[in-house]
Amino acid sequence: MSKKKGKPDEVVCRENIVRLKGKRKGGYLKETVRMLKGKVVGYALAYINPRLCGVDNGRVLGYDNAHDYHHRHFMGEVTEVEFVGYDELVSKFEAEVHELWRKEDGE
């Protein structure tokens, strides 16, 4: 199949929000991904809970590549991170969120 000349490349954007329940009620997990030609070109992963973090719009933990670099947010602090791949980053984010929840639960 040939692509029509002059047609811009399609950017696919996906957003998922999971509202937390129980003792984490009021918090949520958010994933926003922008893809171009099947490749991730923009992303934001966030665990947001204003009860735990009063800065950075309640973002307890997050990763994104806004401002032209890959970085991590944690309780208001921002540090640059090495980006290996989106799937690896999602796994790292999920592991960190679960570790935070274990600490919250006193385990």
PDB file of N, CA and C in Angstrom:
ATOM      1  N   MET A   1       0.830  -1.175   0.000  1.00  0.00           N
ATOM      2  CA  MET A   1       0.000   0.000   0.000  1.00  0.00           C
ATOM      3  C   MET A   1       0.877   1.240   0.000  1.00  0.00           C
ATOM      4  N   SER A   2       0.515   2.200  -0.783  1.00  0.00           N
ATOM      5  CA  SER A   2       1.293   3.428  -0.804  1.00  0.00           C
ATOM      6  C   SER A   2       0.574   4.515  -0.023  1.00  0.00           C
ATOM      7  N   LYS A   3       1.372   5.358   0.553  1.00  0.00           N
ATOM      8  CA  LYS A   3       0.821   6.466   1.321  1.00  0.00           C
ATOM      9  C   LYS A   3       0.569   7.635   0.377  1.00  0.00           C
ATOM     10  N   LYS A   4      -0.549   8.316   0.565  1.00  0.00           N
ATOM     11  CA  LYS A   4      -0.861   9.460  -0.281  1.00  0.00           C
ATOM     12  C   LYS A   4       0.118  10.582  -0.001  1.00  0.00           C
ATOM     13  N   LYS A   5       0.581  11.213  -1.063  1.00  0.00           N
ATOM     14  CA  LYS A   5       1.500  12.338  -0.908  1.00  0.00           C
ATOM     15  C   LYS A   5       0.778  13.497  -0.247  1.00  0.00           C
ATOM     16  N   GLY A   6       1.496  14.198   0.597  1.00  0.00           N
ATOM     17  CA  GLY A   6       0.938  15.362   1.253  1.00  0.00           C
ATOM     18  C   GLY A   6       0.143  15.045   2.511  1.00  0.00           C
ATOM     19  N   LYS A   7      -0.156  13.775   2.772  1.00  0.00           N
ATOM     20  CA  LYS A   7      -0.898  13.395   3.970  1.00  0.00           C
ATOM     21  C   LYS A   7       0.076  13.339   5.149  1.00  0.00           C
ATOM     22  N   PRO A   8      -0.224  14.045   6.234  1.00  0.00           N
ATOM     23  CA  PRO A   8       0.703  14.021   7.373  1.00  0.00           C
ATOM     24  C   PRO A   8       0.724  12.638   8.032  1.00  0.00           C
ATOM     25  N   ASP A   9       1.847  12.323   8.656  1.00  0.00           N
ATOM     26  CA  ASP A   9       1.944  11.064   9.400  1.00  0.00           C
ATOM     27  C   ASP A   9       0.932  11.081  10.534  1.00  0.00           C
ATOM     28  N   GLU A  10       0.313   9.951  10.754  1.00  0.00           N
ATOM     29  CA  GLU A  10      -0.710   9.853  11.784  1.00  0.00           C
ATOM     30  C   GLU A  10      -0.069   9.720  13.163  1.00  0.00           C
ATOM     31  N   VAL A  11      -0.525  10.533  14.089  1.00  0.00           N
ATOM     32  CA  VAL A  11      -0.095  10.430  15.475  1.00  0.00           C
ATOM     33  C   VAL A  11      -1.253   9.816  16.245  1.00  0.00           C
ATOM     34  N   VAL A  12      -0.993   8.696  16.877  1.00  0.00           N
ATOM     35  CA  VAL A  12      -2.008   8.009  17.659  1.00  0.00           C
ATOM     36  C   VAL A  12      -1.771   8.363  19.125  1.00  0.00           C
ATOM     37  N   CYS A  13      -2.818   8.803  19.787  1.00  0.00           N
ATOM     38  CA  CYS A  13      -2.704   9.167  21.193  1.00  0.00           C
ATOM     39  C   CYS A  13      -3.629   8.270  22.004  1.00  0.00           C
ATOM     40  N   ARG A  14      -3.103   7.750  23.111  1.00  0.00           N
ATOM     41  CA  ARG A  14      -3.870   6.866  23.980  1.00  0.00           C
ATOM     42  C   ARG A  14      -3.734   7.367  25.414  1.00  0.00           C
ATOM     43  N   GLU A  15      -4.838   7.369  26.133  1.00  0.00           N
ATOM     44  CA  GLU A  15      -4.796   7.766  27.538  1.00  0.00           C
ATOM     45  C   GLU A  15      -5.618   6.781  28.359  1.00  0.00           C
ATOM     46  N   ASN A  16      -5.034   6.303  29.435  1.00  0.00           N
ATOM     47  CA  ASN A  16      -5.713   5.392  30.365  1.00  0.00           C
ATOM     48  C   ASN A  16      -5.632   5.988  31.766  1.00  0.00           C
ATOM     49  N   ILE A  17      -6.756   5.978  32.453  1.00  0.00           N
ATOM     50  CA  ILE A  17      -6.792   6.445  33.838  1.00  0.00           C
ATOM     51  C   ILE A  17      -7.462   5.367  34.672  1.00  0.00           C
ATOM     52  N   VAL A  18      -6.801   4.986  35.767  1.00  0.00           N
ATOM     53  CA  VAL A  18      -7.353   3.996  36.693  1.00  0.00           C
ATOM     54  C   VAL A  18      -7.527   4.693  38.039  1.00  0.00           C
ATOM     55  N   ARG A  19      -8.777   4.840  38.447  1.00  0.00           N
ATOM     56  CA  ARG A  19      -9.075   5.455  39.742  1.00  0.00           C
ATOM     57  C   ARG A  19      -8.947   4.386  40.822  1.00  0.00           C
ATOM     58  N   LEU A  20      -8.203   4.722  41.862  1.00  0.00           N
ATOM     59  CA  LEU A  20      -7.932   3.761  42.925  1.00  0.00           C
ATOM     60  C   LEU A  20      -9.066   3.752  43.946  1.00  0.00           C
ATOM     61  N   LYS A  21      -9.233   2.622  44.603  1.00  0.00           N
ATOM     62  CA  LYS A  21     -10.309   2.443  45.579  1.00  0.00           C
ATOM     63  C   LYS A  21      -9.727   2.062  46.927  1.00  0.00           C
ATOM     64  N   GLY A  22     -10.600   1.861  47.880  1.00  0.00           N
ATOM     65  CA  GLY A  22     -10.181   1.429  49.208  1.00  0.00           C
ATOM     66  C   GLY A  22      -9.337   2.483  49.895  1.00  0.00           C
ATOM     67  N   LYS A  23      -8.269   2.054  50.545  1.00  0.00           N
ATOM     68  CA  LYS A  23      -7.435   3.000  51.292  1.00  0.00           C
ATOM     69  C   LYS A  23      -6.659   3.956  50.395  1.00  0.00           C
ATOM     70  N   ARG A  24      -6.640   3.693  49.102  1.00  0.00           N
ATOM     71  CA  ARG A  24      -5.970   4.591  48.153  1.00  0.00           C
ATOM     72  C   ARG A  24      -6.968   5.463  47.390  1.00  0.00           C
ATOM     73  N   LYS A  25      -8.213   5.471  47.866  1.00  0.00           N
ATOM     74  CA  LYS A  25      -9.261   6.255  47.220  1.00  0.00           C
ATOM     75  C   LYS A  25      -8.828   7.717  47.116  1.00  0.00           C
ATOM     76  N   GLY A  26      -9.126   8.316  45.971  1.00  0.00           N
ATOM     77  CA  GLY A  26      -8.710   9.701  45.724  1.00  0.00           C
ATOM     78  C   GLY A  26      -7.455   9.759  44.878  1.00  0.00           C
ATOM     79  N   GLY A  27      -6.749   8.640  44.801  1.00  0.00           N
ATOM     80  CA  GLY A  27      -5.556   8.566  43.963  1.00  0.00           C
ATOM     81  C   GLY A  27      -5.883   7.904  42.636  1.00  0.00           C
ATOM     82  N   TYR A  28      -4.994   8.062  41.676  1.00  0.00           N
ATOM     83  CA  TYR A  28      -5.184   7.389  40.407  1.00  0.00           C
ATOM     84  C   TYR A  28      -3.868   7.207  39.664  1.00  0.00           C
ATOM     85  N   LEU A  29      -3.894   6.269  38.743  1.00  0.00           N
ATOM     86  CA  LEU A  29      -2.763   6.008  37.858  1.00  0.00           C
ATOM     87  C   LEU A  29      -3.153   6.523  36.481  1.00  0.00           C
ATOM     88  N   LYS A  30      -2.231   7.186  35.816  1.00  0.00           N
ATOM     89  CA  LYS A  30      -2.527   7.762  34.507  1.00  0.00           C
ATOM     90  C   LYS A  30      -1.391   7.451  33.539  1.00  0.00           C
ATOM     91  N   GLU A  31      -1.771   7.020  32.340  1.00  0.00           N
ATOM     92  CA  GLU A  31      -0.809   6.756  31.273  1.00  0.00           C
ATOM     93  C   GLU A  31      -1.274   7.493  30.028  1.00  0.00           C
ATOM     94  N   THR A  32      -0.393   8.292  29.460  1.00  0.00           N
ATOM     95  CA  THR A  32      -0.660   8.972  28.199  1.00  0.00           C
ATOM     96  C   THR A  32       0.486   8.628  27.255  1.00  0.00           C
ATOM     97  N   VAL A  33       0.132   8.159  26.053  1.00  0.00           N
ATOM     98  CA  VAL A  33       1.149   7.740  25.084  1.00  0.00           C
ATOM     99  C   VAL A  33       0.812   8.333  23.722  1.00  0.00           C
ATOM    100  N   ARG A  34       1.807   8.906  23.084  1.00  0.00           N
ATOM    101  CA  ARG A  34       1.667   9.364  21.703  1.00  0.00           C
ATOM    102  C   ARG A  34       2.593   8.516  20.840  1.00  0.00           C
ATOM    103  N   MET A  35       2.035   8.012  19.736  1.00  0.00           N
ATOM    104  CA  MET A  35       2.811   7.132  18.854  1.00  0.00           C
ATOM    105  C   MET A  35       2.784   7.678  17.430  1.00  0.00           C
ATOM    106  N   LEU A  36       3.894   7.511  16.739  1.00  0.00           N
ATOM    107  CA  LEU A  36       4.024   7.893  15.343  1.00  0.00           C
ATOM    108  C   LEU A  36       4.653   6.716  14.611  1.00  0.00           C
ATOM    109  N   LYS A  37       3.951   6.209  13.626  1.00  0.00           N
ATOM    110  CA  LYS A  37       4.431   5.057  12.856  1.00  0.00           C
ATOM    111  C   LYS A  37       4.771   3.881  13.764  1.00  0.00           C
ATOM    112  N   GLY A  38       3.952   3.665  14.796  1.00  0.00           N
ATOM    113  CA  GLY A  38       4.139   2.537  15.697  1.00  0.00           C
ATOM    114  C   GLY A  38       5.223   2.721  16.739  1.00  0.00           C
ATOM    115  N   LYS A  39       5.847   3.884  16.780  1.00  0.00           N
ATOM    116  CA  LYS A  39       6.924   4.154  17.741  1.00  0.00           C
ATOM    117  C   LYS A  39       6.454   5.193  18.761  1.00  0.00           C
ATOM    118  N   VAL A  40       6.754   4.949  20.041  1.00  0.00           N
ATOM    119  CA  VAL A  40       6.390   5.892  21.095  1.00  0.00           C
ATOM    120  C   VAL A  40       7.247   7.146  20.943  1.00  0.00           C
ATOM    121  N   VAL A  41       6.590   8.284  20.783  1.00  0.00           N
ATOM    122  CA  VAL A  41       7.307   9.553  20.660  1.00  0.00           C
ATOM    123  C   VAL A  41       7.054  10.480  21.849  1.00  0.00           C
ATOM    124  N   GLY A  42       6.005  10.200  22.599  1.00  0.00           N
ATOM    125  CA  GLY A  42       5.705  10.989  23.778  1.00  0.00           C
ATOM    126  C   GLY A  42       4.986  10.126  24.798  1.00  0.00           C
ATOM    127  N   TYR A  43       5.281  10.340  26.069  1.00  0.00           N
ATOM    128  CA  TYR A  43       4.647   9.533  27.105  1.00  0.00           C
ATOM    129  C   TYR A  43       4.632  10.275  28.425  1.00  0.00           C
ATOM    130  N   ALA A  44       3.690   9.882  29.266  1.00  0.00           N
ATOM    131  CA  ALA A  44       3.633  10.357  30.648  1.00  0.00           C
ATOM    132  C   ALA A  44       2.975   9.253  31.474  1.00  0.00           C
ATOM    133  N   LEU A  45       3.663   8.824  32.502  1.00  0.00           N
ATOM    134  CA  LEU A  45       3.152   7.842  33.456  1.00  0.00           C
ATOM    135  C   LEU A  45       3.097   8.535  34.809  1.00  0.00           C
ATOM    136  N   ALA A  46       2.006   8.378  35.530  1.00  0.00           N
ATOM    137  CA  ALA A  46       1.926   9.068  36.816  1.00  0.00           C
ATOM    138  C   ALA A  46       1.069   8.311  37.820  1.00  0.00           C
ATOM    139  N   TYR A  47       1.549   8.322  39.065  1.00  0.00           N
ATOM    140  CA  TYR A  47       0.748   7.907  40.214  1.00  0.00           C
ATOM    141  C   TYR A  47       0.447   9.200  40.942  1.00  0.00           C
ATOM    142  N   ILE A  48      -0.813   9.572  40.985  1.00  0.00           N
ATOM    143  CA  ILE A  48      -1.225  10.834  41.572  1.00  0.00           C
ATOM    144  C   ILE A  48      -2.093  10.559  42.788  1.00  0.00           C
ATOM    145  N   ASN A  49      -1.723  11.166  43.906  1.00  0.00           N
ATOM    146  CA  ASN A  49      -2.508  11.045  45.124  1.00  0.00           C
ATOM    147  C   ASN A  49      -2.249  12.288  45.983  1.00  0.00           C
ATOM    148  N   PRO A  50      -3.144  13.284  45.890  1.00  0.00           N
ATOM    149  CA  PRO A  50      -2.954  14.527  46.632  1.00  0.00           C
ATOM    150  C   PRO A  50      -2.869  14.351  48.150  1.00  0.00           C
ATOM    151  N   ARG A  51      -3.389  13.237  48.680  1.00  0.00           N
ATOM    152  CA  ARG A  51      -3.270  12.985  50.133  1.00  0.00           C
ATOM    153  C   ARG A  51      -1.828  12.699  50.525  1.00  0.00           C
ATOM    154  N   LEU A  52      -1.035  12.186  49.586  1.00  0.00           N
ATOM    155  CA  LEU A  52       0.355  11.826  49.876  1.00  0.00           C
ATOM    156  C   LEU A  52       1.360  12.880  49.435  1.00  0.00           C
ATOM    157  N   CYS A  53       0.999  13.667  48.415  1.00  0.00           N
ATOM    158  CA  CYS A  53       1.936  14.633  47.866  1.00  0.00           C
ATOM    159  C   CYS A  53       1.217  15.952  47.630  1.00  0.00           C
ATOM    160  N   GLY A  54       1.642  16.966  48.330  1.00  0.00           N
ATOM    161  CA  GLY A  54       1.009  18.277  48.216  1.00  0.00           C
ATOM    162  C   GLY A  54       1.629  19.182  47.169  1.00  0.00           C
ATOM    163  N   VAL A  55       2.619  18.694  46.444  1.00  0.00           N
ATOM    164  CA  VAL A  55       3.266  19.478  45.388  1.00  0.00           C
ATOM    165  C   VAL A  55       3.126  18.751  44.057  1.00  0.00           C
ATOM    166  N   ASP A  56       3.525  19.396  42.993  1.00  0.00           N
ATOM    167  CA  ASP A  56       3.542  18.784  41.655  1.00  0.00           C
ATOM    168  C   ASP A  56       2.167  18.210  41.285  1.00  0.00           C
ATOM    169  N   ASN A  57       1.115  18.956  41.624  1.00  0.00           N
ATOM    170  CA  ASN A  57      -0.264  18.548  41.326  1.00  0.00           C
ATOM    171  C   ASN A  57      -0.610  17.173  41.889  1.00  0.00           C
ATOM    172  N   GLY A  58      -0.019  16.824  43.022  1.00  0.00           N
ATOM    173  CA  GLY A  58      -0.317  15.549  43.672  1.00  0.00           C
ATOM    174  C   GLY A  58       0.428  14.359  43.098  1.00  0.00           C
ATOM    175  N   ARG A  59       1.354  14.614  42.181  1.00  0.00           N
ATOM    176  CA  ARG A  59       2.083  13.505  41.549  1.00  0.00           C
ATOM    177  C   ARG A  59       3.096  12.937  42.537  1.00  0.00           C
ATOM    178  N   VAL A  60       2.825  11.737  42.993  1.00  0.00           N
ATOM    179  CA  VAL A  60       3.726  11.037  43.901  1.00  0.00           C
ATOM    180  C   VAL A  60       4.925  10.525  43.109  1.00  0.00           C
ATOM    181  N   LEU A  61       4.645   9.895  41.978  1.00  0.00           N
ATOM    182  CA  LEU A  61       5.682   9.306  41.131  1.00  0.00           C
ATOM    183  C   LEU A  61       5.260   9.463  39.684  1.00  0.00           C
ATOM    184  N   GLY A  62       6.206   9.767  38.828  1.00  0.00           N
ATOM    185  CA  GLY A  62       5.876   9.865  37.409  1.00  0.00           C
ATOM    186  C   GLY A  62       7.111   9.845  36.537  1.00  0.00           C
ATOM    187  N   TYR A  63       6.886   9.472  35.299  1.00  0.00           N
ATOM    188  CA  TYR A  63       7.930   9.514  34.273  1.00  0.00           C
ATOM    189  C   TYR A  63       7.332  10.159  33.042  1.00  0.00           C
ATOM    190  N   ASP A  64       8.102  11.010  32.366  1.00  0.00           N
ATOM    191  CA  ASP A  64       7.642  11.561  31.095  1.00  0.00           C
ATOM    192  C   ASP A  64       8.831  12.074  30.304  1.00  0.00           C
ATOM    193  N   ASN A  65       8.545  12.437  29.054  1.00  0.00           N
ATOM    194  CA  ASN A  65       9.603  12.989  28.211  1.00  0.00           C
ATOM    195  C   ASN A  65       9.223  14.376  27.700  1.00  0.00           C
ATOM    196  N   ALA A  66       8.458  15.093  28.486  1.00  0.00           N
ATOM    197  CA  ALA A  66       8.144  16.482  28.153  1.00  0.00           C
ATOM    198  C   ALA A  66       9.412  17.324  28.269  1.00  0.00           C
ATOM    199  N   HIS A  67       9.415  18.462  27.693  1.00  0.00           N
ATOM    200  CA  HIS A  67      10.550  19.395  27.770  1.00  0.00           C
ATOM    201  C   HIS A  67      11.810  18.820  27.121  1.00  0.00           C
ATOM    202  N   ASP A  68      11.610  17.890  26.189  1.00  0.00           N
ATOM    203  CA  ASP A  68      12.699  17.334  25.366  1.00  0.00           C
ATOM    204  C   ASP A  68      13.735  16.508  26.129  1.00  0.00           C
ATOM    205  N   TYR A  69      13.362  15.937  27.261  1.00  0.00           N
ATOM    206  CA  TYR A  69      14.248  14.979  27.922  1.00  0.00           C
ATOM    207  C   TYR A  69      13.434  14.030  28.789  1.00  0.00           C
ATOM    208  N   HIS A  70      13.999  12.860  29.033  1.00  0.00           N
ATOM    209  CA  HIS A  70      13.344  11.829  29.837  1.00  0.00           C
ATOM    210  C   HIS A  70      13.651  12.111  31.304  1.00  0.00           C
ATOM    211  N   HIS A  71      12.596  12.119  32.130  1.00  0.00           N
ATOM    212  CA  HIS A  71      12.819  12.422  33.542  1.00  0.00           C
ATOM    213  C   HIS A  71      11.791  11.752  34.435  1.00  0.00           C
ATOM    214  N   ARG A  72      12.154  11.722  35.720  1.00  0.00           N
ATOM    215  CA  ARG A  72      11.351  11.075  36.764  1.00  0.00           C
ATOM    216  C   ARG A  72      10.931  12.136  37.767  1.00  0.00           C
ATOM    217  N   HIS A  73       9.674  12.080  38.164  1.00  0.00           N
ATOM    218  CA  HIS A  73       9.146  12.940  39.230  1.00  0.00           C
ATOM    219  C   HIS A  73       8.950  12.059  40.459  1.00  0.00           C
ATOM    220  N   PHE A  74       9.382  12.544  41.610  1.00  0.00           N
ATOM    221  CA  PHE A  74       9.093  11.838  42.852  1.00  0.00           C
ATOM    222  C   PHE A  74       8.908  12.865  43.958  1.00  0.00           C
ATOM    223  N   MET A  75       7.673  12.990  44.427  1.00  0.00           N
ATOM    224  CA  MET A  75       7.326  13.878  45.539  1.00  0.00           C
ATOM    225  C   MET A  75       7.875  15.295  45.334  1.00  0.00           C
ATOM    226  N   GLY A  76       7.747  15.802  44.120  1.00  0.00           N
ATOM    227  CA  GLY A  76       8.160  17.170  43.830  1.00  0.00           C
ATOM    228  C   GLY A  76       9.568  17.328  43.296  1.00  0.00           C
ATOM    229  N   GLU A  77      10.368  16.285  43.362  1.00  0.00           N
ATOM    230  CA  GLU A  77      11.730  16.345  42.851  1.00  0.00           C
ATOM    231  C   GLU A  77      11.769  15.765  41.437  1.00  0.00           C
ATOM    232  N   VAL A  78      12.543  16.380  40.554  1.00  0.00           N
ATOM    233  CA  VAL A  78      12.653  15.914  39.170  1.00  0.00           C
ATOM    234  C   VAL A  78      14.114  15.587  38.877  1.00  0.00           C
ATOM    235  N   THR A  79      14.334  14.374  38.333  1.00  0.00           N
ATOM    236  CA  THR A  79      15.684  13.962  37.961  1.00  0.00           C
ATOM    237  C   THR A  79      15.668  13.370  36.552  1.00  0.00           C
ATOM    238  N   GLU A  80      16.721  13.603  35.814  1.00  0.00           N
ATOM    239  CA  GLU A  80      16.844  13.056  34.474  1.00  0.00           C
ATOM    240  C   GLU A  80      17.091  11.549  34.569  1.00  0.00           C
ATOM    241  N   VAL A  81      16.525  10.784  33.639  1.00  0.00           N
ATOM    242  CA  VAL A  81      16.711   9.334  33.619  1.00  0.00           C
ATOM    243  C   VAL A  81      17.138   8.895  32.224  1.00  0.00           C
ATOM    244  N   GLU A  82      17.806   7.757  32.175  1.00  0.00           N
ATOM    245  CA  GLU A  82      18.173   7.166  30.901  1.00  0.00           C
ATOM    246  C   GLU A  82      16.967   6.386  30.378  1.00  0.00           C
ATOM    247  N   PHE A  83      16.622   6.597  29.130  1.00  0.00           N
ATOM    248  CA  PHE A  83      15.487   5.921  28.520  1.00  0.00           C
ATOM    249  C   PHE A  83      16.007   4.738  27.706  1.00  0.00           C
ATOM    250  N   VAL A  84      15.625   3.525  28.115  1.00  0.00           N
ATOM    251  CA  VAL A  84      16.044   2.318  27.414  1.00  0.00           C
ATOM    252  C   VAL A  84      14.963   1.891  26.429  1.00  0.00           C
ATOM    253  N   GLY A  85      13.712   2.018  26.834  1.00  0.00           N
ATOM    254  CA  GLY A  85      12.571   1.660  25.996  1.00  0.00           C
ATOM    255  C   GLY A  85      11.304   1.849  26.791  1.00  0.00           C
ATOM    256  N   TYR A  86      10.200   2.053  26.085  1.00  0.00           N
ATOM    257  CA  TYR A  86       8.944   2.342  26.783  1.00  0.00           C
ATOM    258  C   TYR A  86       8.466   1.159  27.621  1.00  0.00           C
ATOM    259  N   ASP A  87       8.520  -0.045  27.082  1.00  0.00           N
ATOM    260  CA  ASP A  87       8.053  -1.208  27.841  1.00  0.00           C
ATOM    261  C   ASP A  87       8.854  -1.394  29.123  1.00  0.00           C
ATOM    262  N   GLU A  88      10.160  -1.197  29.055  1.00  0.00           N
ATOM    263  CA  GLU A  88      11.011  -1.312  30.242  1.00  0.00           C
ATOM    264  C   GLU A  88      10.648  -0.242  31.264  1.00  0.00           C
ATOM    265  N   LEU A  89      10.353   0.971  30.771  1.00  0.00           N
ATOM    266  CA  LEU A  89       9.996   2.062  31.668  1.00  0.00           C
ATOM    267  C   LEU A  89       8.669   1.788  32.371  1.00  0.00           C
ATOM    268  N   VAL A  90       7.701   1.248  31.648  1.00  0.00           N
ATOM    269  CA  VAL A  90       6.416   0.902  32.255  1.00  0.00           C
ATOM    270  C   VAL A  90       6.620  -0.136  33.357  1.00  0.00           C
ATOM    271  N   SER A  91       7.439  -1.139  33.091  1.00  0.00           N
ATOM    272  CA  SER A  91       7.721  -2.164  34.115  1.00  0.00           C
ATOM    273  C   SER A  91       8.369  -1.555  35.340  1.00  0.00           C
ATOM    274  N   LYS A  92       9.314  -0.652  35.136  1.00  0.00           N
ATOM    275  CA  LYS A  92       9.992   0.013  36.257  1.00  0.00           C
ATOM    276  C   LYS A  92       8.993   0.853  37.055  1.00  0.00           C
ATOM    277  N   PHE A  93       8.154   1.612  36.353  1.00  0.00           N
ATOM    278  CA  PHE A  93       7.148   2.441  37.009  1.00  0.00           C
ATOM    279  C   PHE A  93       6.206   1.585  37.858  1.00  0.00           C
ATOM    280  N   GLU A  94       5.693   0.505  37.278  1.00  0.00           N
ATOM    281  CA  GLU A  94       4.778  -0.372  38.010  1.00  0.00           C
ATOM    282  C   GLU A  94       5.439  -0.969  39.248  1.00  0.00           C
ATOM    283  N   ALA A  95       6.697  -1.391  39.130  1.00  0.00           N
ATOM    284  CA  ALA A  95       7.418  -1.948  40.280  1.00  0.00           C
ATOM    285  C   ALA A  95       7.581  -0.893  41.377  1.00  0.00           C
ATOM    286  N   GLU A  96       7.904   0.335  40.993  1.00  0.00           N
ATOM    287  CA  GLU A  96       8.072   1.403  41.984  1.00  0.00           C
ATOM    288  C   GLU A  96       6.745   1.734  42.676  1.00  0.00           C
ATOM    289  N   VAL A  97       5.657   1.760  41.924  1.00  0.00           N
ATOM    290  CA  VAL A  97       4.343   2.032  42.520  1.00  0.00           C
ATOM    291  C   VAL A  97       3.998   0.945  43.534  1.00  0.00           C
ATOM    292  N   HIS A  98       4.210  -0.307  43.166  1.00  0.00           N
ATOM    293  CA  HIS A  98       3.905  -1.404  44.096  1.00  0.00           C
ATOM    294  C   HIS A  98       4.792  -1.347  45.334  1.00  0.00           C
ATOM    295  N   GLU A  99       6.035  -0.952  45.176  1.00  0.00           N
ATOM    296  CA  GLU A  99       6.926  -0.798  46.337  1.00  0.00           C
ATOM    297  C   GLU A  99       6.428   0.333  47.244  1.00  0.00           C
ATOM    298  N   LEU A 100       5.991   1.439  46.658  1.00  0.00           N
ATOM    299  CA  LEU A 100       5.426   2.531  47.460  1.00  0.00           C
ATOM    300  C   LEU A 100       4.204   2.062  48.233  1.00  0.00           C
ATOM    301  N   TRP A 101       3.348   1.272  47.583  1.00  0.00           N
ATOM    302  CA  TRP A 101       2.147   0.768  48.244  1.00  0.00           C
ATOM    303  C   TRP A 101       2.513  -0.186  49.382  1.00  0.00           C
ATOM    304  N   ARG A 102       3.539  -0.997  49.183  1.00  0.00           N
ATOM    305  CA  ARG A 102       3.996  -1.900  50.275  1.00  0.00           C
ATOM    306  C   ARG A 102       4.449  -1.071  51.476  1.00  0.00           C
ATOM    307  N   LYS A 103       5.196  -0.006  51.214  1.00  0.00           N
ATOM    308  CA  LYS A 103       5.667   0.868  52.303  1.00  0.00           C
ATOM    309  C   LYS A 103       4.501   1.552  53.001  1.00  0.00           C
ATOM    310  N   GLU A 104       3.508   2.006  52.213  1.00  0.00           N
ATOM    311  CA  GLU A 104       2.315   2.632  52.798  1.00  0.00           C
ATOM    312  C   GLU A 104       1.584   1.660  53.707  1.00  0.00           C
ATOM    313  N   ASP A 105       1.571   0.389  53.309  1.00  0.00           N
ATOM    314  CA  ASP A 105       0.868  -0.630  54.065  1.00  0.00           C
ATOM    315  C   ASP A 105       1.682  -1.133  55.258  1.00  0.00           C
ATOM    316  N   GLY A 106       2.926  -0.652  55.396  1.00  0.00           N
ATOM    317  CA  GLY A 106       3.745  -1.049  56.519  1.00  0.00           C
ATOM    318  C   GLY A 106       4.382  -2.418  56.385  1.00  0.00           C
ATOM    319  N   GLU A 107       4.496  -2.887  55.173  1.00  0.00           N
ATOM    320  CA  GLU A 107       5.094  -4.230  54.961  1.00  0.00           C
ATOM    321  C   GLU A 107       6.588  -4.130  54.825  1.00  0.00           C
TER     322      GLU A 107
END
